[in-house]
Amino acid sequence: MANEDMIVGLDIGTTKVCVVIGERSEKGIIEITGVGVSPSAGMRKGVVVNIEATIKSIIDAIEAAEMMSGREVHACWTGIGGIHIEGINSRGVVAITGQKRENREIGKDDMYRVIEAARAVVIPLDRQIIQTIPQSYIVDDHRGIKDPLGMIGVRLEAEVHIITSSATSAENLLRCVNRAGFKASKSLLLLQALAAGRAVLTPEEQDLGVALIDLGGGTTDVLVYYDGAPYSTFTIPVGGFEVTKDISTIKSISIEAAEKIKTESACCWEPLLEHADDILVPGVTGRPPLAIPRSHIYEIIKPRMEEIFELVKQKLACLGLPRPLSGGVVITGGGASLTGAVELAGDIFRLPARMGTPIRFANMGGLVDEYRDPGYATAIGLVLEGDRRENEDFAEHIPPTRQQLPLKKDSAGPLGKVIDWVKNGLF
């Protein structure tokens, strides 16, 4: 990154672009110093459909965050999501090859090789792997191992969750960020739902099993954690903007007025509904203002929210999990702020439900009021994950190619010695 003490998360959604600037303090902790939001006009269902409009939205959001923080952004961790995202589970197996054959101690190179073996799945030519996440390891039939480094064994297996995307969708997204003047590459591309989970889920929920439901504008992204690791990733092609369009169409009002009603006055859970209240809507084309009972809005939006949650429920039922998701469901994203969304989800899924806000920053400084909102969960998570990747050895999560695997000094042979001489300038 250009500024070593600054991490920038860029969440490009269907209805808005959100940017969060985090800075490392002298104690090494992250504080949020800048937040920027702009309408997104060039995306549809998480896919770029207008490059110039997307570039403008990115520039506007980043400039707003720069103005708030007083810092200049050069590079950013970019989130990717949408209907083109798919997740698959895979397993790799390798023999453990220690320096001394009788030792059989598992080293990092063995972990590299087993993850690379798990990544050797057949995917269409128009798709690419964007992330590989280890779920657990198996050492000589001993299951459930989270970190096998240093253990003794003969055979090492890895169970991983592989996230793939459309190659063209990913390239177009990165192209927009780069053309906007900010450095972005495949190594800075992260799954939006995974980033949101990083910001809002607790380790206990991940161990128990939890479904993170990210209610975006154009899509609803779902990430299922099981035994502490991602187990399934899928997307429902319906989001909060469908609710806005329903209000606009049925009540014959503008999209802007419908969005304002949804965010400020709407409710999708009847016990929370105040029947006596009316909502005053500005008239269109010179017509007088219109008073709409809140109960009418409730009747419009509840079926759409039920549809979204029922579609997610059907997908979850097809996973065939050995046990229920005891951690329940966590609702995040902009749609989670809709009054009654959490209560409706709990009723439909028959599981504990809560709103997912960026809880990991609860006791830290920075822009407290700005980031304690589910709409910022993904951008906050991108900052968190970006900070982790920049400060920790992330090699086990991104296995190198065979040509990049480290050579063992004692077993490299004459070729290895020649390579060492060249590196040291002795040849």
Protein backbone atom coordinates (compact mmCIF):
# COMPACT_ATOMS: atom_id res chain seq x y z
CA MET A 1 0.00 0.00 0.00
CA ALA A 2 1.16 3.54 -0.64
CA ASN A 3 0.57 4.78 2.91
CA GLU A 4 1.84 2.16 5.33
CA ASP A 5 -0.23 3.45 8.26
CA MET A 6 -3.49 3.69 6.30
CA ILE A 7 -5.94 0.98 5.20
CA VAL A 8 -8.79 1.81 2.83
CA GLY A 9 -11.88 -0.35 2.27
CA LEU A 10 -13.94 0.23 -0.89
CA ASP A 11 -17.40 -1.34 -1.05
CA ILE A 12 -18.96 -0.90 -4.50
CA GLY A 13 -22.61 -1.84 -4.28
CA THR A 14 -25.62 -1.69 -6.57
CA THR A 15 -27.16 1.36 -4.92
CA LYS A 16 -24.24 3.02 -3.12
CA VAL A 17 -20.44 3.13 -2.93
CA CYS A 18 -19.03 3.20 0.59
CA VAL A 19 -15.43 4.02 1.51
CA VAL A 20 -13.86 3.72 4.96
CA ILE A 21 -10.36 4.98 5.81
CA GLY A 22 -8.65 3.36 8.77
CA GLU A 23 -5.33 4.50 10.25
CA ARG A 24 -2.96 2.58 12.49
CA SER A 25 -2.26 4.39 15.72
CA GLU A 26 1.09 4.34 17.50
CA LYS A 27 -0.20 1.35 19.48
CA GLY A 28 -0.86 -0.55 16.26
CA ILE A 29 -4.66 -0.44 16.45
CA ILE A 30 -6.99 0.73 13.69
CA GLU A 31 -9.07 3.87 14.08
CA ILE A 32 -11.64 5.02 11.53
CA THR A 33 -10.84 8.57 10.42
CA GLY A 34 -12.79 8.92 7.18
CA VAL A 35 -16.08 7.70 5.74
CA GLY A 36 -17.46 8.52 2.31
CA VAL A 37 -20.68 7.47 0.56
CA SER A 38 -22.00 8.22 -2.92
CA PRO A 39 -24.91 6.88 -5.01
CA SER A 40 -23.93 4.00 -7.29
CA ALA A 41 -25.22 4.46 -10.83
CA GLY A 42 -23.17 1.99 -12.85
CA MET A 43 -23.84 -1.34 -11.13
CA ARG A 44 -26.61 -3.91 -11.48
CA LYS A 45 -26.88 -6.98 -9.28
CA GLY A 46 -23.24 -6.51 -8.27
CA VAL A 47 -21.99 -6.36 -11.89
CA VAL A 48 -20.54 -3.30 -13.67
CA VAL A 49 -22.89 -2.19 -16.44
CA ASN A 50 -21.57 1.37 -16.93
CA ILE A 51 -17.85 1.92 -16.40
CA GLU A 52 -17.89 5.72 -16.52
CA ALA A 53 -20.76 6.01 -14.04
CA THR A 54 -19.04 3.55 -11.69
CA ILE A 55 -15.75 5.47 -11.90
CA LYS A 56 -17.53 8.70 -10.96
CA SER A 57 -19.24 7.05 -7.99
CA ILE A 58 -15.89 5.68 -6.76
CA ILE A 59 -14.19 9.07 -7.08
CA ASP A 60 -17.02 10.88 -5.27
CA ALA A 61 -17.03 8.44 -2.35
CA ILE A 62 -13.24 8.40 -1.93
CA GLU A 63 -12.99 12.19 -2.17
CA ALA A 64 -15.62 12.52 0.58
CA ALA A 65 -13.64 10.12 2.80
CA GLU A 66 -10.38 11.96 2.01
CA MET A 67 -11.92 15.28 2.98
CA MET A 68 -13.09 13.86 6.30
CA SER A 69 -9.78 12.21 7.18
CA GLY A 70 -7.41 14.79 5.68
CA ARG A 71 -5.46 11.99 3.98
CA GLU A 72 -4.92 11.12 0.34
CA VAL A 73 -5.90 7.65 -0.85
CA HIS A 74 -3.59 5.83 -3.27
CA ALA A 75 -4.73 2.19 -3.03
CA CYS A 76 -7.67 0.33 -1.57
CA TRP A 77 -8.96 -3.11 -0.67
CA THR A 78 -11.95 -3.64 -2.92
CA GLY A 79 -14.96 -5.84 -2.20
CA ILE A 80 -16.58 -8.03 -4.83
CA GLY A 81 -20.01 -9.66 -4.74
CA GLY A 82 -23.09 -10.23 -6.83
CA ILE A 83 -24.91 -12.96 -8.69
CA HIS A 84 -21.72 -14.18 -10.40
CA ILE A 85 -20.10 -15.30 -7.10
CA GLU A 86 -20.06 -19.02 -6.36
CA GLY A 87 -18.56 -21.01 -3.50
CA ILE A 88 -17.47 -24.65 -3.61
CA ASN A 89 -15.89 -26.98 -1.06
CA SER A 90 -12.87 -29.07 -1.97
CA ARG A 91 -10.30 -31.36 -0.39
CA GLY A 92 -6.62 -31.91 -1.09
CA VAL A 93 -4.32 -34.73 0.04
CA VAL A 94 -0.51 -34.88 0.11
CA ALA A 95 2.18 -37.05 1.67
CA ILE A 96 4.27 -35.33 4.32
CA THR A 97 7.85 -34.95 3.16
CA GLY A 98 10.08 -33.82 6.00
CA GLN A 99 13.80 -33.10 5.80
CA LYS A 100 14.38 -36.38 7.57
CA ARG A 101 12.04 -39.06 6.33
CA GLU A 102 11.71 -40.57 9.81
CA ASN A 103 10.67 -37.21 11.27
CA ARG A 104 7.54 -36.50 9.19
CA GLU A 105 7.01 -33.10 10.77
CA ILE A 106 4.48 -30.91 8.98
CA GLY A 107 6.02 -27.71 7.68
CA LYS A 108 4.67 -24.68 5.87
CA ASP A 109 5.66 -26.11 2.51
CA ASP A 110 3.45 -29.15 3.22
CA MET A 111 0.56 -26.80 4.02
CA TYR A 112 1.24 -24.90 0.78
CA ARG A 113 1.14 -28.09 -1.22
CA VAL A 114 -2.04 -29.48 0.31
CA ILE A 115 -3.94 -26.23 -0.24
CA GLU A 116 -2.66 -26.11 -3.81
CA ALA A 117 -3.91 -29.68 -4.26
CA ALA A 118 -7.32 -28.65 -2.93
CA ARG A 119 -7.40 -25.71 -5.37
CA ALA A 120 -6.90 -28.07 -8.32
CA VAL A 121 -10.59 -28.10 -9.22
CA VAL A 122 -12.04 -27.85 -12.69
CA ILE A 123 -13.78 -24.52 -13.26
CA PRO A 124 -15.00 -22.98 -16.53
CA LEU A 125 -12.54 -20.86 -18.49
CA ASP A 126 -14.65 -17.75 -17.91
CA ARG A 127 -14.32 -18.03 -14.12
CA GLN A 128 -11.46 -17.46 -11.70
CA ILE A 129 -10.63 -18.26 -8.08
CA ILE A 130 -10.57 -15.11 -5.95
CA GLN A 131 -10.14 -16.65 -2.48
CA THR A 132 -9.26 -20.00 -0.94
CA ILE A 133 -10.12 -20.36 2.74
CA PRO A 134 -8.91 -23.38 4.77
CA GLN A 135 -11.73 -24.91 6.82
CA SER A 136 -9.82 -27.63 8.68
CA TYR A 137 -6.98 -30.12 8.29
CA ILE A 138 -6.82 -33.89 8.70
CA VAL A 139 -3.58 -35.53 9.83
CA ASP A 140 -3.60 -39.33 9.50
CA ASP A 141 -7.40 -39.51 9.95
CA HIS A 142 -7.35 -37.11 12.93
CA ARG A 143 -10.00 -34.56 11.95
CA GLY A 144 -10.89 -31.04 13.01
CA ILE A 145 -7.34 -29.69 13.18
CA LYS A 146 -7.16 -25.93 12.63
CA ASP A 147 -3.36 -25.54 12.48
CA PRO A 148 -1.27 -28.66 11.76
CA LEU A 149 2.09 -26.83 11.66
CA GLY A 150 4.70 -28.80 13.62
CA MET A 151 2.57 -31.92 14.03
CA ILE A 152 3.91 -35.38 13.13
CA GLY A 153 2.14 -37.42 10.50
CA VAL A 154 2.34 -39.33 7.24
CA ARG A 155 -0.60 -37.89 5.32
CA LEU A 156 -2.02 -34.38 5.37
CA GLU A 157 -5.48 -33.43 4.06
CA ALA A 158 -7.05 -29.99 3.82
CA GLU A 159 -10.70 -29.10 3.51
CA VAL A 160 -11.11 -25.68 1.90
CA HIS A 161 -13.82 -23.33 0.72
CA ILE A 162 -13.08 -21.90 -2.72
CA ILE A 163 -14.77 -18.71 -3.88
CA THR A 164 -14.96 -18.10 -7.61
CA SER A 165 -16.20 -15.20 -9.68
CA SER A 166 -16.78 -14.29 -13.29
CA ALA A 167 -13.38 -13.33 -14.69
CA THR A 168 -14.79 -10.47 -16.76
CA SER A 169 -16.85 -9.09 -13.85
CA ALA A 170 -13.77 -9.02 -11.63
CA GLU A 171 -11.63 -7.41 -14.32
CA ASN A 172 -14.23 -4.73 -15.02
CA LEU A 173 -14.48 -3.92 -11.33
CA LEU A 174 -10.71 -3.58 -10.97
CA ARG A 175 -10.58 -1.55 -14.18
CA CYS A 176 -13.03 0.96 -12.71
CA VAL A 177 -10.97 1.38 -9.55
CA ASN A 178 -7.70 1.75 -11.46
CA ARG A 179 -9.19 4.21 -13.95
CA ALA A 180 -10.48 6.24 -11.03
CA GLY A 181 -6.83 6.73 -10.06
CA PHE A 182 -6.48 4.22 -7.22
CA LYS A 183 -4.31 1.11 -7.16
CA ALA A 184 -6.27 -2.14 -7.24
CA SER A 185 -5.29 -5.67 -8.18
CA LYS A 186 -6.49 -9.24 -7.74
CA SER A 187 -4.50 -9.46 -4.49
CA LEU A 188 -6.55 -6.52 -3.15
CA LEU A 189 -9.89 -8.08 -4.11
CA LEU A 190 -11.97 -9.63 -1.30
CA LEU A 191 -15.42 -11.18 -1.09
CA GLN A 192 -17.88 -8.63 0.31
CA ALA A 193 -19.81 -11.12 2.44
CA LEU A 194 -16.59 -12.48 3.94
CA ALA A 195 -15.47 -8.94 4.80
CA ALA A 196 -18.84 -8.19 6.39
CA GLY A 197 -18.56 -11.35 8.46
CA ARG A 198 -15.12 -10.29 9.61
CA ALA A 199 -16.66 -7.11 11.03
CA VAL A 200 -19.92 -8.34 12.56
CA LEU A 201 -19.62 -12.02 13.58
CA THR A 202 -18.21 -13.30 16.86
CA PRO A 203 -15.92 -16.36 17.03
CA GLU A 204 -18.57 -18.12 19.12
CA GLU A 205 -21.20 -17.66 16.40
CA GLN A 206 -18.82 -18.98 13.76
CA ASP A 207 -18.07 -22.09 15.86
CA LEU A 208 -21.74 -22.78 16.57
CA GLY A 209 -22.75 -22.24 12.94
CA VAL A 210 -24.30 -19.03 11.68
CA ALA A 211 -25.81 -17.63 8.48
CA LEU A 212 -24.72 -14.10 7.63
CA ILE A 213 -27.36 -12.44 5.42
CA ASP A 214 -26.06 -9.28 3.74
CA LEU A 215 -29.10 -7.37 2.50
CA GLY A 216 -27.71 -5.19 -0.26
CA GLY A 217 -29.49 -2.98 -2.75
CA GLY A 218 -29.42 -5.31 -5.76
CA THR A 219 -28.66 -8.70 -4.21
CA THR A 220 -28.73 -10.58 -0.93
CA ASP A 221 -25.39 -12.28 -0.26
CA VAL A 222 -25.29 -15.19 2.18
CA LEU A 223 -22.24 -16.69 3.88
CA VAL A 224 -22.66 -19.73 6.11
CA TYR A 225 -20.10 -20.45 8.82
CA TYR A 226 -19.86 -23.96 10.25
CA ASP A 227 -17.34 -25.17 12.84
CA GLY A 228 -15.57 -21.83 12.72
CA ALA A 229 -14.97 -21.63 8.95
CA PRO A 230 -16.91 -20.59 5.82
CA TYR A 231 -18.96 -23.52 4.57
CA SER A 232 -21.20 -22.10 1.83
CA THR A 233 -21.50 -18.93 -0.24
CA PHE A 234 -24.48 -18.03 -2.40
CA THR A 235 -26.41 -15.01 -3.67
CA ILE A 236 -30.12 -14.29 -4.01
CA PRO A 237 -30.79 -11.93 -6.97
CA VAL A 238 -33.21 -9.78 -4.96
CA GLY A 239 -32.31 -6.90 -2.65
CA GLY A 240 -33.53 -3.81 -0.90
CA PHE A 241 -34.00 -1.87 -4.12
CA GLU A 242 -36.85 -4.24 -5.03
CA VAL A 243 -38.64 -3.04 -1.89
CA THR A 244 -38.14 0.58 -2.98
CA LYS A 245 -39.50 -0.16 -6.48
CA ASP A 246 -42.56 -1.89 -5.01
CA ILE A 247 -43.41 1.22 -2.98
CA SER A 248 -42.76 3.49 -5.96
CA THR A 249 -44.88 1.44 -8.36
CA ILE A 250 -47.86 0.74 -6.14
CA LYS A 251 -48.09 4.24 -4.69
CA SER A 252 -47.12 6.04 -7.94
CA ILE A 253 -44.37 8.08 -6.34
CA SER A 254 -40.76 8.72 -7.33
CA ILE A 255 -37.95 6.30 -6.50
CA GLU A 256 -36.37 8.99 -4.30
CA ALA A 257 -39.56 9.44 -2.27
CA ALA A 258 -40.04 5.67 -1.99
CA GLU A 259 -36.46 5.22 -0.75
CA LYS A 260 -36.97 7.92 1.87
CA ILE A 261 -40.15 6.21 3.08
CA LYS A 262 -38.39 2.86 3.27
CA THR A 263 -35.42 4.12 5.26
CA GLU A 264 -37.24 6.53 7.58
CA SER A 265 -40.77 5.24 8.13
CA ALA A 266 -41.31 1.70 6.81
CA CYS A 267 -41.83 -1.39 8.93
CA CYS A 268 -42.12 -5.09 7.99
CA TRP A 269 -43.07 -6.57 11.38
CA GLU A 270 -46.66 -5.91 12.49
CA PRO A 271 -46.10 -5.78 16.28
CA LEU A 272 -43.77 -2.81 15.70
CA LEU A 273 -46.24 -1.02 13.44
CA GLU A 274 -47.98 2.12 14.66
CA HIS A 275 -51.27 1.99 12.74
CA ALA A 276 -52.33 5.54 13.57
CA ASP A 277 -49.34 7.17 11.88
CA ASP A 278 -49.50 8.61 8.38
CA ILE A 279 -46.56 9.31 6.09
CA LEU A 280 -46.61 12.58 4.16
CA VAL A 281 -45.19 12.16 0.65
CA PRO A 282 -44.38 15.14 -1.63
CA GLY A 283 -46.60 15.27 -4.69
CA VAL A 284 -45.30 14.49 -8.18
CA THR A 285 -45.53 16.99 -11.09
CA GLY A 286 -47.19 19.71 -9.04
CA ARG A 287 -49.72 17.49 -7.26
CA PRO A 288 -50.40 18.19 -3.56
CA PRO A 289 -48.63 16.12 -0.88
CA LEU A 290 -50.09 12.68 -0.29
CA ALA A 291 -50.73 11.16 3.16
CA ILE A 292 -50.12 7.39 3.19
CA PRO A 293 -50.94 5.24 6.26
CA ARG A 294 -47.93 3.29 7.52
CA SER A 295 -50.07 0.17 7.43
CA HIS A 296 -50.30 0.47 3.63
CA ILE A 297 -46.50 0.56 3.36
CA TYR A 298 -46.30 -2.44 5.66
CA GLU A 299 -48.62 -4.40 3.38
CA ILE A 300 -46.38 -3.57 0.40
CA ILE A 301 -42.97 -4.36 1.83
CA LYS A 302 -43.67 -7.36 4.07
CA PRO A 303 -44.35 -9.81 1.17
CA ARG A 304 -41.10 -8.76 -0.55
CA MET A 305 -39.03 -9.18 2.64
CA GLU A 306 -40.71 -12.55 3.26
CA GLU A 307 -39.80 -13.59 -0.27
CA ILE A 308 -36.12 -12.73 0.27
CA PHE A 309 -35.90 -14.65 3.54
CA GLU A 310 -37.84 -17.63 2.18
CA LEU A 311 -35.45 -17.89 -0.78
CA VAL A 312 -32.50 -17.88 1.62
CA LYS A 313 -34.22 -20.48 3.81
CA GLN A 314 -34.73 -22.80 0.81
CA LYS A 315 -31.03 -22.55 -0.08
CA LEU A 316 -30.00 -23.27 3.51
CA ALA A 317 -32.24 -26.34 3.60
CA CYS A 318 -30.39 -27.74 0.57
CA LEU A 319 -26.99 -27.61 2.28
CA GLY A 320 -27.66 -30.71 4.36
CA LEU A 321 -25.82 -29.50 7.45
CA PRO A 322 -25.34 -32.23 10.11
CA ARG A 323 -26.80 -29.96 12.81
CA PRO A 324 -28.82 -26.73 13.00
CA LEU A 325 -27.15 -23.33 12.91
CA SER A 326 -27.07 -22.78 16.65
CA GLY A 327 -25.52 -19.34 16.14
CA GLY A 328 -28.68 -18.29 14.33
CA VAL A 329 -28.82 -15.68 11.59
CA VAL A 330 -27.16 -12.26 11.51
CA ILE A 331 -28.69 -9.61 9.25
CA THR A 332 -26.35 -6.91 7.96
CA GLY A 333 -26.05 -4.53 5.03
CA GLY A 334 -28.22 -1.49 4.35
CA GLY A 335 -31.44 -3.55 4.36
CA ALA A 336 -30.84 -4.66 7.95
CA SER A 337 -31.80 -1.17 9.16
CA LEU A 338 -35.38 -1.66 7.97
CA THR A 339 -37.60 -1.70 11.06
CA GLY A 340 -38.74 -5.24 11.79
CA ALA A 341 -36.30 -7.00 9.43
CA VAL A 342 -34.54 -8.84 12.27
CA GLU A 343 -37.82 -9.88 13.92
CA LEU A 344 -39.24 -11.11 10.59
CA ALA A 345 -36.08 -13.11 9.90
CA GLY A 346 -36.21 -14.76 13.32
CA ASP A 347 -39.83 -15.76 12.71
CA ILE A 348 -39.16 -17.22 9.25
CA PHE A 349 -35.92 -19.07 10.03
CA ARG A 350 -37.05 -20.16 13.50
CA LEU A 351 -33.57 -19.29 14.74
CA PRO A 352 -32.07 -16.56 16.94
CA ALA A 353 -31.62 -13.41 14.85
CA ARG A 354 -29.80 -10.15 15.43
CA MET A 355 -28.63 -7.11 13.50
CA GLY A 356 -24.99 -7.22 12.40
CA THR A 357 -23.18 -3.99 13.25
CA PRO A 358 -19.37 -3.57 13.21
CA ILE A 359 -18.85 -4.83 16.76
CA ARG A 360 -15.09 -5.27 16.65
CA PHE A 361 -14.54 -1.53 16.91
CA ALA A 362 -16.95 -1.04 19.80
CA ASN A 363 -14.28 -0.01 22.32
CA MET A 364 -12.01 1.94 19.97
CA GLY A 365 -11.78 5.55 18.96
CA GLY A 366 -12.53 7.14 15.63
CA LEU A 367 -15.85 8.07 14.04
CA VAL A 368 -18.06 6.13 16.44
CA ASP A 369 -21.43 7.36 15.17
CA GLU A 370 -20.46 6.84 11.51
CA TYR A 371 -19.39 3.20 11.58
CA ARG A 372 -21.93 1.71 14.03
CA ASP A 373 -24.35 1.00 11.21
CA PRO A 374 -24.88 -2.26 9.29
CA GLY A 375 -24.55 -0.36 6.02
CA TYR A 376 -20.84 0.11 6.74
CA ALA A 377 -20.17 -3.50 7.74
CA THR A 378 -18.53 -4.55 4.46
CA ALA A 379 -16.28 -1.49 4.18
CA ILE A 380 -15.22 -1.86 7.84
CA GLY A 381 -14.53 -5.55 7.25
CA LEU A 382 -12.37 -4.74 4.22
CA VAL A 383 -10.27 -2.47 6.42
CA LEU A 384 -9.96 -5.18 9.08
CA GLU A 385 -9.05 -7.93 6.62
CA GLY A 386 -6.67 -5.66 4.72
CA ASP A 387 -4.88 -4.80 7.95
CA ARG A 388 -4.58 -8.48 8.86
CA ARG A 389 -3.17 -9.42 5.48
CA GLU A 390 -0.63 -6.61 5.51
CA ASN A 391 0.63 -7.40 9.01
CA GLU A 392 0.53 -11.17 9.16
CA ASP A 393 2.05 -14.00 7.18
CA PHE A 394 -0.87 -14.74 4.89
CA ALA A 395 0.98 -17.35 2.86
CA GLU A 396 -1.07 -20.31 4.04
CA HIS A 397 -4.21 -18.71 2.63
CA ILE A 398 -2.71 -17.94 -0.79
CA PRO A 399 -0.72 -20.98 -1.87
CA PRO A 400 2.07 -20.29 -4.36
CA THR A 401 2.58 -22.12 -7.60
CA ARG A 402 4.95 -25.06 -7.67
CA GLN A 403 7.72 -22.86 -9.03
CA GLN A 404 7.37 -20.59 -5.97
CA LEU A 405 7.62 -23.32 -3.35
CA PRO A 406 10.67 -22.84 -1.11
CA LEU A 407 13.59 -25.19 -1.64
CA LYS A 408 14.89 -27.12 1.36
CA LYS A 409 18.54 -26.17 1.84
CA ASP A 410 19.71 -29.71 2.58
CA SER A 411 17.80 -31.33 -0.28
CA ALA A 412 18.08 -28.76 -3.03
CA GLY A 413 21.05 -30.48 -4.62
CA PRO A 414 23.56 -28.89 -7.03
CA LEU A 415 20.86 -26.86 -8.80
CA GLY A 416 19.79 -25.31 -5.50
CA LYS A 417 23.40 -24.34 -4.71
CA VAL A 418 23.80 -22.68 -8.10
CA ILE A 419 20.57 -20.69 -7.51
CA ASP A 420 21.89 -19.58 -4.11
CA TRP A 421 25.23 -18.48 -5.71
CA VAL A 422 23.36 -16.41 -8.31
CA LYS A 423 21.18 -14.77 -5.64
CA ASN A 424 24.23 -13.92 -3.56
CA GLY A 425 26.21 -12.57 -6.50
CA LEU A 426 28.87 -15.29 -6.26
CA PHE A 427 28.45 -16.65 -9.76
